[in-house]
Amino acid sequence: MEFLFRRVAVDGQSMMPTYLPGERLTAIRRWRPVRVGDVVVVRDPRDPGRWLLKRCVGRKGSQLDLRGDNAGVSTDSRDFGLVPSRDVVWIVPRSQA
């Protein structure tokens, strides 16, 4: 079933207060372009074996600015730069945000 859905466990505090550490979410395989405001699951550009949960806060062409909701503890586009939109595999439905 992971072809369409993926269970994601929130690890760390970067998405607080929206999501709490240990919270479990269901992400859906990306079927449309990522929009500003979407929460996405993407491979860490620095470590492809690690997944990140981030919010898209801006677009520059096909590049996305991904940030954590808790800026003080988040590793995000401020650290690793913009991410190609094609790298986003999963979107968390807004009903969970």
PDB file of N, CA and C in Angstrom:
ATOM      1  N   MET A   1       0.822  -1.198   0.000  1.00  0.00           N
ATOM      2  CA  MET A   1       0.000   0.000   0.000  1.00  0.00           C
ATOM      3  C   MET A   1       0.863   1.258   0.000  1.00  0.00           C
ATOM      4  N   GLU A   2       2.168   1.106   0.243  1.00  0.00           N
ATOM      5  CA  GLU A   2       3.038   2.270   0.293  1.00  0.00           C
ATOM      6  C   GLU A   2       3.137   2.963  -1.069  1.00  0.00           C
ATOM      7  N   PHE A   3       2.599   2.356  -2.099  1.00  0.00           N
ATOM      8  CA  PHE A   3       2.603   3.006  -3.388  1.00  0.00           C
ATOM      9  C   PHE A   3       1.763   4.289  -3.355  1.00  0.00           C
ATOM     10  N   LEU A   4       0.667   4.278  -2.604  1.00  0.00           N
ATOM     11  CA  LEU A   4      -0.219   5.440  -2.527  1.00  0.00           C
ATOM     12  C   LEU A   4      -0.128   6.193  -1.207  1.00  0.00           C
ATOM     13  N   PHE A   5       0.107   5.466  -0.127  1.00  0.00           N
ATOM     14  CA  PHE A   5       0.127   6.049   1.207  1.00  0.00           C
ATOM     15  C   PHE A   5       1.399   5.650   1.935  1.00  0.00           C
ATOM     16  N   ARG A   6       1.815   6.499   2.849  1.00  0.00           N
ATOM     17  CA  ARG A   6       2.978   6.192   3.680  1.00  0.00           C
ATOM     18  C   ARG A   6       2.706   6.720   5.084  1.00  0.00           C
ATOM     19  N   ARG A   7       2.945   5.876   6.066  1.00  0.00           N
ATOM     20  CA  ARG A   7       2.841   6.312   7.459  1.00  0.00           C
ATOM     21  C   ARG A   7       4.151   6.995   7.820  1.00  0.00           C
ATOM     22  N   VAL A   8       4.047   8.140   8.456  1.00  0.00           N
ATOM     23  CA  VAL A   8       5.206   8.945   8.820  1.00  0.00           C
ATOM     24  C   VAL A   8       5.139   9.225  10.317  1.00  0.00           C
ATOM     25  N   ALA A   9       6.234   8.947  11.009  1.00  0.00           N
ATOM     26  CA  ALA A   9       6.319   9.285  12.432  1.00  0.00           C
ATOM     27  C   ALA A   9       7.112  10.579  12.556  1.00  0.00           C
ATOM     28  N   VAL A  10       6.558  11.544  13.259  1.00  0.00           N
ATOM     29  CA  VAL A  10       7.235  12.822  13.460  1.00  0.00           C
ATOM     30  C   VAL A  10       8.401  12.597  14.414  1.00  0.00           C
ATOM     31  N   ASP A  11       9.585  13.010  13.980  1.00  0.00           N
ATOM     32  CA  ASP A  11      10.801  12.838  14.773  1.00  0.00           C
ATOM     33  C   ASP A  11      11.406  14.220  14.993  1.00  0.00           C
ATOM     34  N   GLY A  12      11.468  14.649  16.219  1.00  0.00           N
ATOM     35  CA  GLY A  12      12.042  15.957  16.506  1.00  0.00           C
ATOM     36  C   GLY A  12      10.983  17.034  16.627  1.00  0.00           C
ATOM     37  N   GLN A  13      11.460  18.251  16.889  1.00  0.00           N
ATOM     38  CA  GLN A  13      10.575  19.368  17.196  1.00  0.00           C
ATOM     39  C   GLN A  13      10.450  20.399  16.078  1.00  0.00           C
ATOM     40  N   SER A  14      10.988  20.108  14.903  1.00  0.00           N
ATOM     41  CA  SER A  14      11.033  21.124  13.850  1.00  0.00           C
ATOM     42  C   SER A  14       9.665  21.537  13.315  1.00  0.00           C
ATOM     43  N   MET A  15       8.639  20.705  13.486  1.00  0.00           N
ATOM     44  CA  MET A  15       7.312  21.051  12.970  1.00  0.00           C
ATOM     45  C   MET A  15       6.324  21.423  14.075  1.00  0.00           C
ATOM     46  N   MET A  16       6.823  21.620  15.290  1.00  0.00           N
ATOM     47  CA  MET A  16       5.946  22.067  16.383  1.00  0.00           C
ATOM     48  C   MET A  16       5.549  23.516  16.145  1.00  0.00           C
ATOM     49  N   PRO A  17       4.387  23.956  16.498  1.00  0.00           N
ATOM     50  CA  PRO A  17       3.358  23.234  17.252  1.00  0.00           C
ATOM     51  C   PRO A  17       2.393  22.442  16.376  1.00  0.00           C
ATOM     52  N   THR A  18       2.560  22.477  15.064  1.00  0.00           N
ATOM     53  CA  THR A  18       1.622  21.785  14.171  1.00  0.00           C
ATOM     54  C   THR A  18       1.632  20.283  14.415  1.00  0.00           C
ATOM     55  N   TYR A  19       2.823  19.705  14.492  1.00  0.00           N
ATOM     56  CA  TYR A  19       2.978  18.269  14.727  1.00  0.00           C
ATOM     57  C   TYR A  19       3.937  18.067  15.894  1.00  0.00           C
ATOM     58  N   LEU A  20       3.603  17.132  16.755  1.00  0.00           N
ATOM     59  CA  LEU A  20       4.401  16.858  17.942  1.00  0.00           C
ATOM     60  C   LEU A  20       5.278  15.630  17.726  1.00  0.00           C
ATOM     61  N   PRO A  21       6.448  15.586  18.375  1.00  0.00           N
ATOM     62  CA  PRO A  21       7.298  14.403  18.263  1.00  0.00           C
ATOM     63  C   PRO A  21       6.517  13.136  18.630  1.00  0.00           C
ATOM     64  N   GLY A  22       6.685  12.103  17.818  1.00  0.00           N
ATOM     65  CA  GLY A  22       5.994  10.836  18.046  1.00  0.00           C
ATOM     66  C   GLY A  22       4.649  10.728  17.359  1.00  0.00           C
ATOM     67  N   GLU A  23       4.098  11.844  16.912  1.00  0.00           N
ATOM     68  CA  GLU A  23       2.810  11.824  16.221  1.00  0.00           C
ATOM     69  C   GLU A  23       2.956  11.043  14.917  1.00  0.00           C
ATOM     70  N   ARG A  24       1.913  10.297  14.554  1.00  0.00           N
ATOM     71  CA  ARG A  24       1.942   9.515  13.319  1.00  0.00           C
ATOM     72  C   ARG A  24       0.980  10.136  12.314  1.00  0.00           C
ATOM     73  N   LEU A  25       1.467  10.301  11.103  1.00  0.00           N
ATOM     74  CA  LEU A  25       0.698  10.931  10.028  1.00  0.00           C
ATOM     75  C   LEU A  25       0.611   9.981   8.844  1.00  0.00           C
ATOM     76  N   THR A  26      -0.385  10.203   8.009  1.00  0.00           N
ATOM     77  CA  THR A  26      -0.483   9.487   6.745  1.00  0.00           C
ATOM     78  C   THR A  26      -0.199  10.484   5.635  1.00  0.00           C
ATOM     79  N   ALA A  27       0.788  10.170   4.823  1.00  0.00           N
ATOM     80  CA  ALA A  27       1.120  11.014   3.673  1.00  0.00           C
ATOM     81  C   ALA A  27       0.636  10.299   2.408  1.00  0.00           C
ATOM     82  N   ILE A  28       0.286  11.099   1.420  1.00  0.00           N
ATOM     83  CA  ILE A  28      -0.210  10.571   0.150  1.00  0.00           C
ATOM     84  C   ILE A  28       0.826  10.858  -0.930  1.00  0.00           C
ATOM     85  N   ARG A  29       1.050   9.871  -1.807  1.00  0.00           N
ATOM     86  CA  ARG A  29       1.992  10.083  -2.895  1.00  0.00           C
ATOM     87  C   ARG A  29       1.583  11.328  -3.673  1.00  0.00           C
ATOM     88  N   ARG A  30       2.574  12.158  -3.997  1.00  0.00           N
ATOM     89  CA  ARG A  30       2.286  13.431  -4.673  1.00  0.00           C
ATOM     90  C   ARG A  30       1.603  13.167  -6.016  1.00  0.00           C
ATOM     91  N   TRP A  31       0.452  13.748  -6.197  1.00  0.00           N
ATOM     92  CA  TRP A  31      -0.345  13.593  -7.414  1.00  0.00           C
ATOM     93  C   TRP A  31      -0.549  14.925  -8.134  1.00  0.00           C
ATOM     94  N   ARG A  32      -0.069  16.004  -7.517  1.00  0.00           N
ATOM     95  CA  ARG A  32      -0.257  17.338  -8.085  1.00  0.00           C
ATOM     96  C   ARG A  32       0.969  18.167  -7.725  1.00  0.00           C
ATOM     97  N   PRO A  33       1.111  19.343  -8.325  1.00  0.00           N
ATOM     98  CA  PRO A  33       2.237  20.210  -7.951  1.00  0.00           C
ATOM     99  C   PRO A  33       2.147  20.625  -6.484  1.00  0.00           C
ATOM    100  N   VAL A  34       3.294  20.794  -5.872  1.00  0.00           N
ATOM    101  CA  VAL A  34       3.352  21.255  -4.481  1.00  0.00           C
ATOM    102  C   VAL A  34       2.957  22.723  -4.447  1.00  0.00           C
ATOM    103  N   ARG A  35       2.085  23.061  -3.496  1.00  0.00           N
ATOM    104  CA  ARG A  35       1.623  24.439  -3.327  1.00  0.00           C
ATOM    105  C   ARG A  35       2.239  25.034  -2.065  1.00  0.00           C
ATOM    106  N   VAL A  36       2.351  26.348  -2.055  1.00  0.00           N
ATOM    107  CA  VAL A  36       2.781  27.027  -0.841  1.00  0.00           C
ATOM    108  C   VAL A  36       1.782  26.683   0.254  1.00  0.00           C
ATOM    109  N   GLY A  37       2.292  26.297   1.403  1.00  0.00           N
ATOM    110  CA  GLY A  37       1.457  25.884   2.530  1.00  0.00           C
ATOM    111  C   GLY A  37       1.388  24.380   2.707  1.00  0.00           C
ATOM    112  N   ASP A  38       1.702  23.611   1.658  1.00  0.00           N
ATOM    113  CA  ASP A  38       1.685  22.154   1.772  1.00  0.00           C
ATOM    114  C   ASP A  38       2.768  21.671   2.718  1.00  0.00           C
ATOM    115  N   VAL A  39       2.440  20.643   3.487  1.00  0.00           N
ATOM    116  CA  VAL A  39       3.434  19.934   4.288  1.00  0.00           C
ATOM    117  C   VAL A  39       3.824  18.709   3.470  1.00  0.00           C
ATOM    118  N   VAL A  40       5.127  18.535   3.294  1.00  0.00           N
ATOM    119  CA  VAL A  40       5.625  17.490   2.404  1.00  0.00           C
ATOM    120  C   VAL A  40       6.648  16.609   3.106  1.00  0.00           C
ATOM    121  N   VAL A  41       6.847  15.444   2.534  1.00  0.00           N
ATOM    122  CA  VAL A  41       7.898  14.531   2.967  1.00  0.00           C
ATOM    123  C   VAL A  41       8.871  14.423   1.806  1.00  0.00           C
ATOM    124  N   VAL A  42      10.136  14.692   2.110  1.00  0.00           N
ATOM    125  CA  VAL A  42      11.164  14.730   1.077  1.00  0.00           C
ATOM    126  C   VAL A  42      12.444  14.130   1.656  1.00  0.00           C
ATOM    127  N   ARG A  43      13.254  13.534   0.805  1.00  0.00           N
ATOM    128  CA  ARG A  43      14.553  13.037   1.270  1.00  0.00           C
ATOM    129  C   ARG A  43      15.445  14.219   1.620  1.00  0.00           C
ATOM    130  N   ASP A  44      16.208  14.060   2.668  1.00  0.00           N
ATOM    131  CA  ASP A  44      17.159  15.090   3.088  1.00  0.00           C
ATOM    132  C   ASP A  44      18.198  15.249   1.979  1.00  0.00           C
ATOM    133  N   PRO A  45      18.353  16.447   1.409  1.00  0.00           N
ATOM    134  CA  PRO A  45      19.329  16.636   0.329  1.00  0.00           C
ATOM    135  C   PRO A  45      20.769  16.311   0.752  1.00  0.00           C
ATOM    136  N   ARG A  46      21.045  16.340   2.049  1.00  0.00           N
ATOM    137  CA  ARG A  46      22.392  16.054   2.540  1.00  0.00           C
ATOM    138  C   ARG A  46      22.591  14.593   2.893  1.00  0.00           C
ATOM    139  N   ASP A  47      21.474  13.874   3.122  1.00  0.00           N
ATOM    140  CA  ASP A  47      21.530  12.476   3.536  1.00  0.00           C
ATOM    141  C   ASP A  47      20.314  11.753   2.967  1.00  0.00           C
ATOM    142  N   PRO A  48      20.419  11.190   1.757  1.00  0.00           N
ATOM    143  CA  PRO A  48      19.268  10.575   1.093  1.00  0.00           C
ATOM    144  C   PRO A  48      18.623   9.421   1.861  1.00  0.00           C
ATOM    145  N   GLY A  49      19.286   8.915   2.888  1.00  0.00           N
ATOM    146  CA  GLY A  49      18.701   7.854   3.688  1.00  0.00           C
ATOM    147  C   GLY A  49      17.754   8.381   4.760  1.00  0.00           C
ATOM    148  N   ARG A  50      17.642   9.684   4.856  1.00  0.00           N
ATOM    149  CA  ARG A  50      16.823  10.320   5.892  1.00  0.00           C
ATOM    150  C   ARG A  50      15.672  11.091   5.241  1.00  0.00           C
ATOM    151  N   TRP A  51      14.492  10.978   5.830  1.00  0.00           N
ATOM    152  CA  TRP A  51      13.317  11.702   5.336  1.00  0.00           C
ATOM    153  C   TRP A  51      13.071  12.922   6.214  1.00  0.00           C
ATOM    154  N   LEU A  52      12.580  14.002   5.593  1.00  0.00           N
ATOM    155  CA  LEU A  52      12.258  15.241   6.306  1.00  0.00           C
ATOM    156  C   LEU A  52      10.787  15.575   6.108  1.00  0.00           C
ATOM    157  N   LEU A  53      10.181  16.112   7.150  1.00  0.00           N
ATOM    158  CA  LEU A  53       8.814  16.629   7.102  1.00  0.00           C
ATOM    159  C   LEU A  53       8.925  18.140   7.194  1.00  0.00           C
ATOM    160  N   LYS A  54       8.508  18.851   6.138  1.00  0.00           N
ATOM    161  CA  LYS A  54       8.663  20.309   6.076  1.00  0.00           C
ATOM    162  C   LYS A  54       7.466  20.936   5.384  1.00  0.00           C
ATOM    163  N   ARG A  55       7.328  22.234   5.565  1.00  0.00           N
ATOM    164  CA  ARG A  55       6.275  23.004   4.913  1.00  0.00           C
ATOM    165  C   ARG A  55       6.876  23.795   3.755  1.00  0.00           C
ATOM    166  N   CYS A  56       6.169  23.813   2.636  1.00  0.00           N
ATOM    167  CA  CYS A  56       6.593  24.639   1.505  1.00  0.00           C
ATOM    168  C   CYS A  56       6.158  26.075   1.796  1.00  0.00           C
ATOM    169  N   VAL A  57       7.137  26.978   1.892  1.00  0.00           N
ATOM    170  CA  VAL A  57       6.815  28.381   2.188  1.00  0.00           C
ATOM    171  C   VAL A  57       7.016  29.285   0.980  1.00  0.00           C
ATOM    172  N   GLY A  58       7.556  28.725  -0.098  1.00  0.00           N
ATOM    173  CA  GLY A  58       7.756  29.533  -1.294  1.00  0.00           C
ATOM    174  C   GLY A  58       8.200  28.692  -2.473  1.00  0.00           C
ATOM    175  N   ARG A  59       7.978  29.246  -3.662  1.00  0.00           N
ATOM    176  CA  ARG A  59       8.403  28.587  -4.904  1.00  0.00           C
ATOM    177  C   ARG A  59       9.201  29.590  -5.715  1.00  0.00           C
ATOM    178  N   LYS A  60      10.233  29.094  -6.344  1.00  0.00           N
ATOM    179  CA  LYS A  60      11.003  29.871  -7.313  1.00  0.00           C
ATOM    180  C   LYS A  60      11.172  28.993  -8.530  1.00  0.00           C
ATOM    181  N   GLY A  61      10.247  29.121  -9.472  1.00  0.00           N
ATOM    182  CA  GLY A  61      10.231  28.217 -10.612  1.00  0.00           C
ATOM    183  C   GLY A  61       9.903  26.814 -10.143  1.00  0.00           C
ATOM    184  N   SER A  62      10.798  25.877 -10.452  1.00  0.00           N
ATOM    185  CA  SER A  62      10.577  24.491 -10.034  1.00  0.00           C
ATOM    186  C   SER A  62      11.287  24.158  -8.723  1.00  0.00           C
ATOM    187  N   GLN A  63      11.770  25.187  -8.038  1.00  0.00           N
ATOM    188  CA  GLN A  63      12.476  25.004  -6.767  1.00  0.00           C
ATOM    189  C   GLN A  63      11.553  25.395  -5.604  1.00  0.00           C
ATOM    190  N   LEU A  64      11.668  24.656  -4.505  1.00  0.00           N
ATOM    191  CA  LEU A  64      10.822  24.895  -3.341  1.00  0.00           C
ATOM    192  C   LEU A  64      11.655  25.349  -2.157  1.00  0.00           C
ATOM    193  N   ASP A  65      11.097  26.290  -1.402  1.00  0.00           N
ATOM    194  CA  ASP A  65      11.679  26.711  -0.131  1.00  0.00           C
ATOM    195  C   ASP A  65      10.929  25.947   0.954  1.00  0.00           C
ATOM    196  N   LEU A  66      11.609  25.014   1.604  1.00  0.00           N
ATOM    197  CA  LEU A  66      11.001  24.166   2.620  1.00  0.00           C
ATOM    198  C   LEU A  66      11.494  24.590   3.991  1.00  0.00           C
ATOM    199  N   ARG A  67      10.564  24.762   4.915  1.00  0.00           N
ATOM    200  CA  ARG A  67      10.907  25.210   6.269  1.00  0.00           C
ATOM    201  C   ARG A  67      10.149  24.396   7.296  1.00  0.00           C
ATOM    202  N   GLY A  68      10.733  24.316   8.477  1.00  0.00           N
ATOM    203  CA  GLY A  68      10.030  23.751   9.616  1.00  0.00           C
ATOM    204  C   GLY A  68       9.188  24.836  10.258  1.00  0.00           C
ATOM    205  N   ASP A  69       8.104  24.462  10.907  1.00  0.00           N
ATOM    206  CA  ASP A  69       7.240  25.442  11.569  1.00  0.00           C
ATOM    207  C   ASP A  69       7.898  26.027  12.812  1.00  0.00           C
ATOM    208  N   ASN A  70       8.870  25.322  13.376  1.00  0.00           N
ATOM    209  CA  ASN A  70       9.582  25.764  14.566  1.00  0.00           C
ATOM    210  C   ASN A  70      10.993  26.183  14.122  1.00  0.00           C
ATOM    211  N   ALA A  71      11.108  27.389  13.619  1.00  0.00           N
ATOM    212  CA  ALA A  71      12.342  27.852  12.964  1.00  0.00           C
ATOM    213  C   ALA A  71      13.584  27.739  13.840  1.00  0.00           C
ATOM    214  N   GLY A  72      13.436  27.876  15.144  1.00  0.00           N
ATOM    215  CA  GLY A  72      14.593  27.853  16.022  1.00  0.00           C
ATOM    216  C   GLY A  72      15.325  26.526  16.080  1.00  0.00           C
ATOM    217  N   VAL A  73      14.635  25.437  15.752  1.00  0.00           N
ATOM    218  CA  VAL A  73      15.268  24.117  15.832  1.00  0.00           C
ATOM    219  C   VAL A  73      15.233  23.353  14.513  1.00  0.00           C
ATOM    220  N   SER A  74      14.746  23.974  13.456  1.00  0.00           N
ATOM    221  CA  SER A  74      14.566  23.275  12.186  1.00  0.00           C
ATOM    222  C   SER A  74      15.799  23.368  11.289  1.00  0.00           C
ATOM    223  N   THR A  75      16.156  22.232  10.708  1.00  0.00           N
ATOM    224  CA  THR A  75      17.125  22.198   9.626  1.00  0.00           C
ATOM    225  C   THR A  75      16.304  22.157   8.346  1.00  0.00           C
ATOM    226  N   ASP A  76      16.465  23.162   7.495  1.00  0.00           N
ATOM    227  CA  ASP A  76      15.593  23.278   6.336  1.00  0.00           C
ATOM    228  C   ASP A  76      16.298  24.023   5.212  1.00  0.00           C
ATOM    229  N   SER A  77      15.542  24.620   4.299  1.00  0.00           N
ATOM    230  CA  SER A  77      16.135  25.294   3.135  1.00  0.00           C
ATOM    231  C   SER A  77      17.109  26.394   3.518  1.00  0.00           C
ATOM    232  N   ARG A  78      16.994  26.927   4.712  1.00  0.00           N
ATOM    233  CA  ARG A  78      17.972  27.921   5.155  1.00  0.00           C
ATOM    234  C   ARG A  78      19.353  27.293   5.308  1.00  0.00           C
ATOM    235  N   ASP A  79      19.382  25.979   5.511  1.00  0.00           N
ATOM    236  CA  ASP A  79      20.638  25.250   5.675  1.00  0.00           C
ATOM    237  C   ASP A  79      21.092  24.570   4.390  1.00  0.00           C
ATOM    238  N   PHE A  80      20.153  23.913   3.680  1.00  0.00           N
ATOM    239  CA  PHE A  80      20.550  23.127   2.506  1.00  0.00           C
ATOM    240  C   PHE A  80      20.084  23.707   1.180  1.00  0.00           C
ATOM    241  N   GLY A  81      19.427  24.851   1.196  1.00  0.00           N
ATOM    242  CA  GLY A  81      19.020  25.508  -0.043  1.00  0.00           C
ATOM    243  C   GLY A  81      17.672  25.027  -0.553  1.00  0.00           C
ATOM    244  N   LEU A  82      17.303  25.553  -1.705  1.00  0.00           N
ATOM    245  CA  LEU A  82      16.029  25.187  -2.323  1.00  0.00           C
ATOM    246  C   LEU A  82      16.077  23.735  -2.795  1.00  0.00           C
ATOM    247  N   VAL A  83      14.906  23.115  -2.860  1.00  0.00           N
ATOM    248  CA  VAL A  83      14.789  21.711  -3.230  1.00  0.00           C
ATOM    249  C   VAL A  83      13.973  21.617  -4.520  1.00  0.00           C
ATOM    250  N   PRO A  84      14.436  20.831  -5.505  1.00  0.00           N
ATOM    251  CA  PRO A  84      13.637  20.657  -6.721  1.00  0.00           C
ATOM    252  C   PRO A  84      12.278  20.051  -6.390  1.00  0.00           C
ATOM    253  N   SER A  85      11.219  20.585  -6.962  1.00  0.00           N
ATOM    254  CA  SER A  85       9.877  20.087  -6.650  1.00  0.00           C
ATOM    255  C   SER A  85       9.734  18.610  -7.017  1.00  0.00           C
ATOM    256  N   ARG A  86      10.479  18.141  -7.992  1.00  0.00           N
ATOM    257  CA  ARG A  86      10.398  16.729  -8.379  1.00  0.00           C
ATOM    258  C   ARG A  86      10.880  15.796  -7.258  1.00  0.00           C
ATOM    259  N   ASP A  87      11.625  16.338  -6.297  1.00  0.00           N
ATOM    260  CA  ASP A  87      12.131  15.524  -5.187  1.00  0.00           C
ATOM    261  C   ASP A  87      11.084  15.259  -4.113  1.00  0.00           C
ATOM    262  N   VAL A  88       9.987  15.983  -4.149  1.00  0.00           N
ATOM    263  CA  VAL A  88       8.920  15.752  -3.164  1.00  0.00           C
ATOM    264  C   VAL A  88       8.138  14.517  -3.596  1.00  0.00           C
ATOM    265  N   VAL A  89       8.100  13.533  -2.700  1.00  0.00           N
ATOM    266  CA  VAL A  89       7.429  12.274  -3.005  1.00  0.00           C
ATOM    267  C   VAL A  89       6.048  12.218  -2.375  1.00  0.00           C
ATOM    268  N   TRP A  90       5.905  12.794  -1.175  1.00  0.00           N
ATOM    269  CA  TRP A  90       4.679  12.652  -0.401  1.00  0.00           C
ATOM    270  C   TRP A  90       4.156  14.014   0.063  1.00  0.00           C
ATOM    271  N   ILE A  91       2.843  14.127   0.135  1.00  0.00           N
ATOM    272  CA  ILE A  91       2.182  15.317   0.673  1.00  0.00           C
ATOM    273  C   ILE A  91       1.285  14.883   1.823  1.00  0.00           C
ATOM    274  N   VAL A  92       1.329  15.626   2.923  1.00  0.00           N
ATOM    275  CA  VAL A  92       0.455  15.349   4.062  1.00  0.00           C
ATOM    276  C   VAL A  92      -0.850  16.108   3.829  1.00  0.00           C
ATOM    277  N   PRO A  93      -1.976  15.411   3.794  1.00  0.00           N
ATOM    278  CA  PRO A  93      -3.255  16.100   3.548  1.00  0.00           C
ATOM    279  C   PRO A  93      -3.508  17.188   4.588  1.00  0.00           C
ATOM    280  N   ARG A  94      -4.116  18.269   4.162  1.00  0.00           N
ATOM    281  CA  ARG A  94      -4.382  19.414   5.043  1.00  0.00           C
ATOM    282  C   ARG A  94      -5.253  19.049   6.236  1.00  0.00           C
ATOM    283  N   SER A  95      -6.036  18.008   6.142  1.00  0.00           N
ATOM    284  CA  SER A  95      -6.887  17.619   7.259  1.00  0.00           C
ATOM    285  C   SER A  95      -6.065  17.182   8.471  1.00  0.00           C
ATOM    286  N   GLN A  96      -4.764  16.889   8.270  1.00  0.00           N
ATOM    287  CA  GLN A  96      -3.904  16.509   9.382  1.00  0.00           C
ATOM    288  C   GLN A  96      -3.059  17.670   9.866  1.00  0.00           C
ATOM    289  N   ALA A  97      -3.161  18.814   9.193  1.00  0.00           N
ATOM    290  CA  ALA A  97      -2.326  19.969   9.561  1.00  0.00           C
ATOM    291  C   ALA A  97      -3.065  20.897  10.494  1.00  0.00           C
TER     292      ALA A  97
END
